[in-house]
Amino acid sequence: MTELVQPKKLLLVDDDPVFSGVLSRALRKRGFDVLCASTIAEAMALVKQHNPGFAVVDLKLEHESGLDLIPKLKAADGGLVIVVLTGYASITTAVEAVKRGAANYLAKPVKADEVVQALVGKASETPPPGDYTPMSVERLEWEHIQKVLAEHEGNVSATARSLGMHRRTLQRKLAKKPVRQ
């Protein structure tokens, strides 16, 4: 278990109260003073009031995107260490999160120790070259859809036209969780 010497303020932004409760308790046990928010507005108010050094942001909030929060957090405090968590991991969103200022990107389910390691810069080692497993066809399709969707700035109709797919078919594919690698 990774322990911090003194409590460090951490902003946890997630719209799932059960997940927030579990993760915040685990992070408190690891030496963090956790502040919880479920919207971008709440998060920004807490940042201005408490000036945390760390933030853990869910990618998909109820009606907002955690990606939109990253530059706002960075503008408020350029030294803030941000880790993005998501149940809908894709290479495209990982790259976008890092471009916007996130220090790390983790796929749910995730252990609290992995979050702490990502926050303090001690991310786990990459697997050795011999352990590489190619992505499944379903996962490749998911990644490609996410890339094209990002290119069309989230416009589902334009993405469907670009992919030569009916809009409703694309919406059904987007509503599903991504296929594991």
C-alpha atoms as a PDB file:
ATOM      1  CA  MET A   1       0.000   0.000   0.000  1.00  0.00           C
ATOM      2  CA  THR A   2       1.323   3.449  -0.925  1.00  0.00           C
ATOM      3  CA  GLU A   3       1.280   5.913   2.005  1.00  0.00           C
ATOM      4  CA  LEU A   4       1.740   9.671   1.917  1.00  0.00           C
ATOM      5  CA  VAL A   5       3.542  11.422   4.772  1.00  0.00           C
ATOM      6  CA  GLN A   6       1.123  14.351   5.123  1.00  0.00           C
ATOM      7  CA  PRO A   7      -2.445  14.702   3.886  1.00  0.00           C
ATOM      8  CA  LYS A   8      -2.660  16.102   0.381  1.00  0.00           C
ATOM      9  CA  LYS A   9      -5.829  17.653  -0.966  1.00  0.00           C
ATOM     10  CA  LEU A  10      -7.436  15.684  -3.781  1.00  0.00           C
ATOM     11  CA  LEU A  11     -10.497  16.560  -5.841  1.00  0.00           C
ATOM     12  CA  LEU A  12     -12.576  13.527  -6.886  1.00  0.00           C
ATOM     13  CA  VAL A  13     -15.073  14.274  -9.671  1.00  0.00           C
ATOM     14  CA  ASP A  14     -17.503  11.441 -10.394  1.00  0.00           C
ATOM     15  CA  ASP A  15     -21.291  11.378 -10.773  1.00  0.00           C
ATOM     16  CA  ASP A  16     -21.629   7.871  -9.287  1.00  0.00           C
ATOM     17  CA  PRO A  17     -22.110   8.373  -5.516  1.00  0.00           C
ATOM     18  CA  VAL A  18     -21.342   4.743  -4.659  1.00  0.00           C
ATOM     19  CA  PHE A  19     -18.059   4.708  -6.602  1.00  0.00           C
ATOM     20  CA  SER A  20     -17.128   8.145  -5.192  1.00  0.00           C
ATOM     21  CA  GLY A  21     -17.766   6.952  -1.649  1.00  0.00           C
ATOM     22  CA  VAL A  22     -15.704   3.798  -2.012  1.00  0.00           C
ATOM     23  CA  LEU A  23     -12.777   5.500  -3.778  1.00  0.00           C
ATOM     24  CA  SER A  24     -12.754   8.521  -1.448  1.00  0.00           C
ATOM     25  CA  ARG A  25     -12.595   6.257   1.635  1.00  0.00           C
ATOM     26  CA  ALA A  26      -9.759   4.258   0.099  1.00  0.00           C
ATOM     27  CA  LEU A  27      -7.846   7.424  -0.821  1.00  0.00           C
ATOM     28  CA  ARG A  28      -8.324   8.884   2.677  1.00  0.00           C
ATOM     29  CA  LYS A  29      -6.772   5.709   4.108  1.00  0.00           C
ATOM     30  CA  ARG A  30      -3.780   6.397   1.849  1.00  0.00           C
ATOM     31  CA  GLY A  31      -3.225   9.903   3.195  1.00  0.00           C
ATOM     32  CA  PHE A  32      -5.358  12.129   0.954  1.00  0.00           C
ATOM     33  CA  ASP A  33      -7.812  14.797   2.102  1.00  0.00           C
ATOM     34  CA  VAL A  34     -10.588  14.075  -0.444  1.00  0.00           C
ATOM     35  CA  LEU A  35     -13.083  16.645  -1.761  1.00  0.00           C
ATOM     36  CA  CYS A  36     -15.944  15.212  -3.850  1.00  0.00           C
ATOM     37  CA  ALA A  37     -17.856  16.807  -6.735  1.00  0.00           C
ATOM     38  CA  SER A  38     -20.305  15.398  -9.264  1.00  0.00           C
ATOM     39  CA  THR A  39     -20.381  18.255 -11.808  1.00  0.00           C
ATOM     40  CA  ILE A  40     -17.921  20.608 -13.471  1.00  0.00           C
ATOM     41  CA  ALA A  41     -19.424  23.599 -11.613  1.00  0.00           C
ATOM     42  CA  GLU A  42     -19.041  21.892  -8.225  1.00  0.00           C
ATOM     43  CA  ALA A  43     -15.481  20.868  -9.105  1.00  0.00           C
ATOM     44  CA  MET A  44     -14.463  24.411 -10.072  1.00  0.00           C
ATOM     45  CA  ALA A  45     -15.986  25.853  -6.871  1.00  0.00           C
ATOM     46  CA  LEU A  46     -14.016  23.353  -4.762  1.00  0.00           C
ATOM     47  CA  VAL A  47     -10.792  24.091  -6.667  1.00  0.00           C
ATOM     48  CA  LYS A  48     -11.144  27.834  -6.048  1.00  0.00           C
ATOM     49  CA  GLN A  49     -11.975  27.312  -2.381  1.00  0.00           C
ATOM     50  CA  HIS A  50      -9.495  24.541  -1.422  1.00  0.00           C
ATOM     51  CA  ASN A  51      -6.697  24.607  -4.049  1.00  0.00           C
ATOM     52  CA  PRO A  52      -6.078  20.829  -4.208  1.00  0.00           C
ATOM     53  CA  GLY A  53      -2.822  19.445  -5.585  1.00  0.00           C
ATOM     54  CA  PHE A  54      -4.442  16.396  -7.178  1.00  0.00           C
ATOM     55  CA  ALA A  55      -7.611  15.583  -9.130  1.00  0.00           C
ATOM     56  CA  VAL A  56      -9.221  12.314 -10.195  1.00  0.00           C
ATOM     57  CA  VAL A  57     -11.817  12.959 -12.902  1.00  0.00           C
ATOM     58  CA  ASP A  58     -14.352  10.560 -14.412  1.00  0.00           C
ATOM     59  CA  LEU A  59     -14.481  10.796 -18.206  1.00  0.00           C
ATOM     60  CA  LYS A  60     -18.277  10.628 -18.463  1.00  0.00           C
ATOM     61  CA  LEU A  61     -20.224  12.731 -16.000  1.00  0.00           C
ATOM     62  CA  GLU A  62     -24.045  12.838 -16.049  1.00  0.00           C
ATOM     63  CA  HIS A  63     -24.469  15.521 -18.732  1.00  0.00           C
ATOM     64  CA  GLU A  64     -20.861  16.644 -19.106  1.00  0.00           C
ATOM     65  CA  SER A  65     -17.484  15.335 -20.173  1.00  0.00           C
ATOM     66  CA  GLY A  66     -14.532  15.086 -17.841  1.00  0.00           C
ATOM     67  CA  LEU A  67     -12.391  16.052 -20.850  1.00  0.00           C
ATOM     68  CA  ASP A  68     -13.975  19.519 -20.737  1.00  0.00           C
ATOM     69  CA  LEU A  69     -13.000  19.867 -17.078  1.00  0.00           C
ATOM     70  CA  ILE A  70      -9.281  19.159 -17.580  1.00  0.00           C
ATOM     71  CA  PRO A  71      -8.299  22.501 -19.225  1.00  0.00           C
ATOM     72  CA  LYS A  72     -10.416  24.403 -16.691  1.00  0.00           C
ATOM     73  CA  LEU A  73      -8.606  22.708 -13.824  1.00  0.00           C
ATOM     74  CA  LYS A  74      -5.230  23.376 -15.463  1.00  0.00           C
ATOM     75  CA  ALA A  75      -6.161  27.045 -15.984  1.00  0.00           C
ATOM     76  CA  ALA A  76      -7.035  27.342 -12.282  1.00  0.00           C
ATOM     77  CA  ASP A  77      -3.759  25.663 -11.205  1.00  0.00           C
ATOM     78  CA  GLY A  78      -1.134  24.643 -13.750  1.00  0.00           C
ATOM     79  CA  GLY A  79       0.596  22.356 -11.230  1.00  0.00           C
ATOM     80  CA  LEU A  80      -2.517  20.279 -10.512  1.00  0.00           C
ATOM     81  CA  VAL A  81      -1.906  16.569 -11.174  1.00  0.00           C
ATOM     82  CA  ILE A  82      -4.944  15.119 -12.971  1.00  0.00           C
ATOM     83  CA  VAL A  83      -5.795  11.453 -13.487  1.00  0.00           C
ATOM     84  CA  VAL A  84      -8.752  10.510 -15.689  1.00  0.00           C
ATOM     85  CA  LEU A  85     -10.775   7.389 -14.854  1.00  0.00           C
ATOM     86  CA  THR A  86     -13.252   5.796 -17.219  1.00  0.00           C
ATOM     87  CA  GLY A  87     -15.311   2.708 -17.809  1.00  0.00           C
ATOM     88  CA  TYR A  88     -15.242   3.559 -21.534  1.00  0.00           C
ATOM     89  CA  ALA A  89     -11.507   3.520 -22.212  1.00  0.00           C
ATOM     90  CA  SER A  90     -10.222   4.114 -25.717  1.00  0.00           C
ATOM     91  CA  ILE A  91      -6.914   5.180 -27.187  1.00  0.00           C
ATOM     92  CA  THR A  92      -8.540   8.293 -28.678  1.00  0.00           C
ATOM     93  CA  THR A  93      -9.895   9.553 -25.350  1.00  0.00           C
ATOM     94  CA  ALA A  94      -6.632   8.688 -23.584  1.00  0.00           C
ATOM     95  CA  VAL A  95      -4.654  10.758 -26.092  1.00  0.00           C
ATOM     96  CA  GLU A  96      -7.158  13.617 -25.850  1.00  0.00           C
ATOM     97  CA  ALA A  97      -7.035  13.590 -22.031  1.00  0.00           C
ATOM     98  CA  VAL A  98      -3.239  13.815 -22.050  1.00  0.00           C
ATOM     99  CA  LYS A  99      -3.298  16.562 -24.701  1.00  0.00           C
ATOM    100  CA  ARG A 100      -5.635  18.580 -22.488  1.00  0.00           C
ATOM    101  CA  GLY A 101      -3.337  18.213 -19.475  1.00  0.00           C
ATOM    102  CA  ALA A 102      -4.055  14.929 -17.677  1.00  0.00           C
ATOM    103  CA  ALA A 103      -1.024  13.232 -16.163  1.00  0.00           C
ATOM    104  CA  ASN A 104      -2.506   9.758 -16.506  1.00  0.00           C
ATOM    105  CA  TYR A 105      -5.539   7.809 -17.751  1.00  0.00           C
ATOM    106  CA  LEU A 106      -6.848   4.653 -16.089  1.00  0.00           C
ATOM    107  CA  ALA A 107      -9.632   2.264 -17.084  1.00  0.00           C
ATOM    108  CA  LYS A 108     -12.199   1.170 -14.491  1.00  0.00           C
ATOM    109  CA  PRO A 109     -12.295  -1.056 -12.565  1.00  0.00           C
ATOM    110  CA  VAL A 110      -9.179   0.254 -10.865  1.00  0.00           C
ATOM    111  CA  LYS A 111      -7.586  -0.320  -7.466  1.00  0.00           C
ATOM    112  CA  ALA A 112      -6.979   2.620  -5.153  1.00  0.00           C
ATOM    113  CA  ASP A 113      -3.237   1.839  -5.084  1.00  0.00           C
ATOM    114  CA  GLU A 114      -3.128   2.158  -8.892  1.00  0.00           C
ATOM    115  CA  VAL A 115      -4.792   5.577  -8.631  1.00  0.00           C
ATOM    116  CA  VAL A 116      -2.259   6.689  -6.006  1.00  0.00           C
ATOM    117  CA  GLN A 117       0.623   5.434  -8.166  1.00  0.00           C
ATOM    118  CA  ALA A 118      -0.741   7.351 -11.157  1.00  0.00           C
ATOM    119  CA  LEU A 119      -1.102  10.501  -9.044  1.00  0.00           C
ATOM    120  CA  VAL A 120       2.386  10.469  -7.546  1.00  0.00           C
ATOM    121  CA  GLY A 121       4.092   9.522 -10.802  1.00  0.00           C
ATOM    122  CA  LYS A 122       4.945   5.927 -10.025  1.00  0.00           C
ATOM    123  CA  ALA A 123       2.818   4.257 -12.676  1.00  0.00           C
ATOM    124  CA  SER A 124       3.346   0.546 -13.106  1.00  0.00           C
ATOM    125  CA  GLU A 125       5.888  -0.643 -15.617  1.00  0.00           C
ATOM    126  CA  THR A 126       4.808  -1.342 -19.160  1.00  0.00           C
ATOM    127  CA  PRO A 127       4.599  -5.040 -19.956  1.00  0.00           C
ATOM    128  CA  PRO A 128       7.639  -6.656 -21.584  1.00  0.00           C
ATOM    129  CA  PRO A 129       7.528  -6.873 -25.402  1.00  0.00           C
ATOM    130  CA  GLY A 130       6.853 -10.632 -25.310  1.00  0.00           C
ATOM    131  CA  ASP A 131       3.574 -10.088 -23.400  1.00  0.00           C
ATOM    132  CA  TYR A 132       1.924  -8.134 -26.207  1.00  0.00           C
ATOM    133  CA  THR A 133      -1.552  -9.381 -27.132  1.00  0.00           C
ATOM    134  CA  PRO A 134      -3.136  -7.881 -30.254  1.00  0.00           C
ATOM    135  CA  MET A 135      -6.555  -6.259 -29.927  1.00  0.00           C
ATOM    136  CA  SER A 136      -9.645  -8.185 -30.927  1.00  0.00           C
ATOM    137  CA  VAL A 137     -11.548  -7.135 -34.059  1.00  0.00           C
ATOM    138  CA  GLU A 138     -14.377  -5.826 -31.844  1.00  0.00           C
ATOM    139  CA  ARG A 139     -11.941  -3.708 -29.828  1.00  0.00           C
ATOM    140  CA  LEU A 140     -10.324  -2.361 -33.013  1.00  0.00           C
ATOM    141  CA  GLU A 141     -13.778  -1.390 -34.287  1.00  0.00           C
ATOM    142  CA  TRP A 142     -14.528   0.402 -30.991  1.00  0.00           C
ATOM    143  CA  GLU A 143     -11.207   2.290 -31.160  1.00  0.00           C
ATOM    144  CA  HIS A 144     -11.818   3.300 -34.791  1.00  0.00           C
ATOM    145  CA  ILE A 145     -15.333   4.554 -34.003  1.00  0.00           C
ATOM    146  CA  GLN A 146     -13.959   6.601 -31.088  1.00  0.00           C
ATOM    147  CA  LYS A 147     -11.257   8.106 -33.326  1.00  0.00           C
ATOM    148  CA  VAL A 148     -13.739   9.092 -36.048  1.00  0.00           C
ATOM    149  CA  LEU A 149     -16.180  10.435 -33.432  1.00  0.00           C
ATOM    150  CA  ALA A 150     -13.411  12.626 -31.986  1.00  0.00           C
ATOM    151  CA  GLU A 151     -12.521  13.859 -35.493  1.00  0.00           C
ATOM    152  CA  HIS A 152     -16.155  14.966 -35.900  1.00  0.00           C
ATOM    153  CA  GLU A 153     -16.173  16.633 -32.455  1.00  0.00           C
ATOM    154  CA  GLY A 154     -18.756  14.221 -31.043  1.00  0.00           C
ATOM    155  CA  ASN A 155     -21.269  14.692 -33.869  1.00  0.00           C
ATOM    156  CA  VAL A 156     -22.927  11.269 -34.184  1.00  0.00           C
ATOM    157  CA  SER A 157     -24.648  11.997 -37.512  1.00  0.00           C
ATOM    158  CA  ALA A 158     -21.425  13.199 -39.180  1.00  0.00           C
ATOM    159  CA  THR A 159     -19.539  10.236 -37.727  1.00  0.00           C
ATOM    160  CA  ALA A 160     -22.160   7.779 -39.036  1.00  0.00           C
ATOM    161  CA  ARG A 161     -21.952   9.334 -42.526  1.00  0.00           C
ATOM    162  CA  SER A 162     -18.154   9.145 -42.429  1.00  0.00           C
ATOM    163  CA  LEU A 163     -18.256   5.489 -41.402  1.00  0.00           C
ATOM    164  CA  GLY A 164     -20.966   4.628 -43.946  1.00  0.00           C
ATOM    165  CA  MET A 165     -23.213   3.459 -41.118  1.00  0.00           C
ATOM    166  CA  HIS A 166     -26.796   4.230 -40.164  1.00  0.00           C
ATOM    167  CA  ARG A 167     -26.959   6.767 -37.316  1.00  0.00           C
ATOM    168  CA  ARG A 168     -29.089   4.475 -35.088  1.00  0.00           C
ATOM    169  CA  THR A 169     -26.650   1.605 -35.555  1.00  0.00           C
ATOM    170  CA  LEU A 170     -23.802   3.864 -34.482  1.00  0.00           C
ATOM    171  CA  GLN A 171     -25.804   5.079 -31.466  1.00  0.00           C
ATOM    172  CA  ARG A 172     -26.384   1.455 -30.384  1.00  0.00           C
ATOM    173  CA  LYS A 173     -22.654   0.725 -30.689  1.00  0.00           C
ATOM    174  CA  LEU A 174     -21.785   3.847 -28.693  1.00  0.00           C
ATOM    175  CA  ALA A 175     -24.251   2.959 -25.934  1.00  0.00           C
ATOM    176  CA  LYS A 176     -22.440  -0.334 -25.297  1.00  0.00           C
ATOM    177  CA  LYS A 177     -19.401  -0.554 -23.082  1.00  0.00           C
ATOM    178  CA  PRO A 178     -16.174  -1.078 -25.014  1.00  0.00           C
ATOM    179  CA  VAL A 179     -14.973  -4.599 -25.593  1.00  0.00           C
ATOM    180  CA  ARG A 180     -12.060  -5.639 -23.372  1.00  0.00           C
ATOM    181  CA  GLN A 181      -8.740  -5.959 -25.115  1.00  0.00           C
END
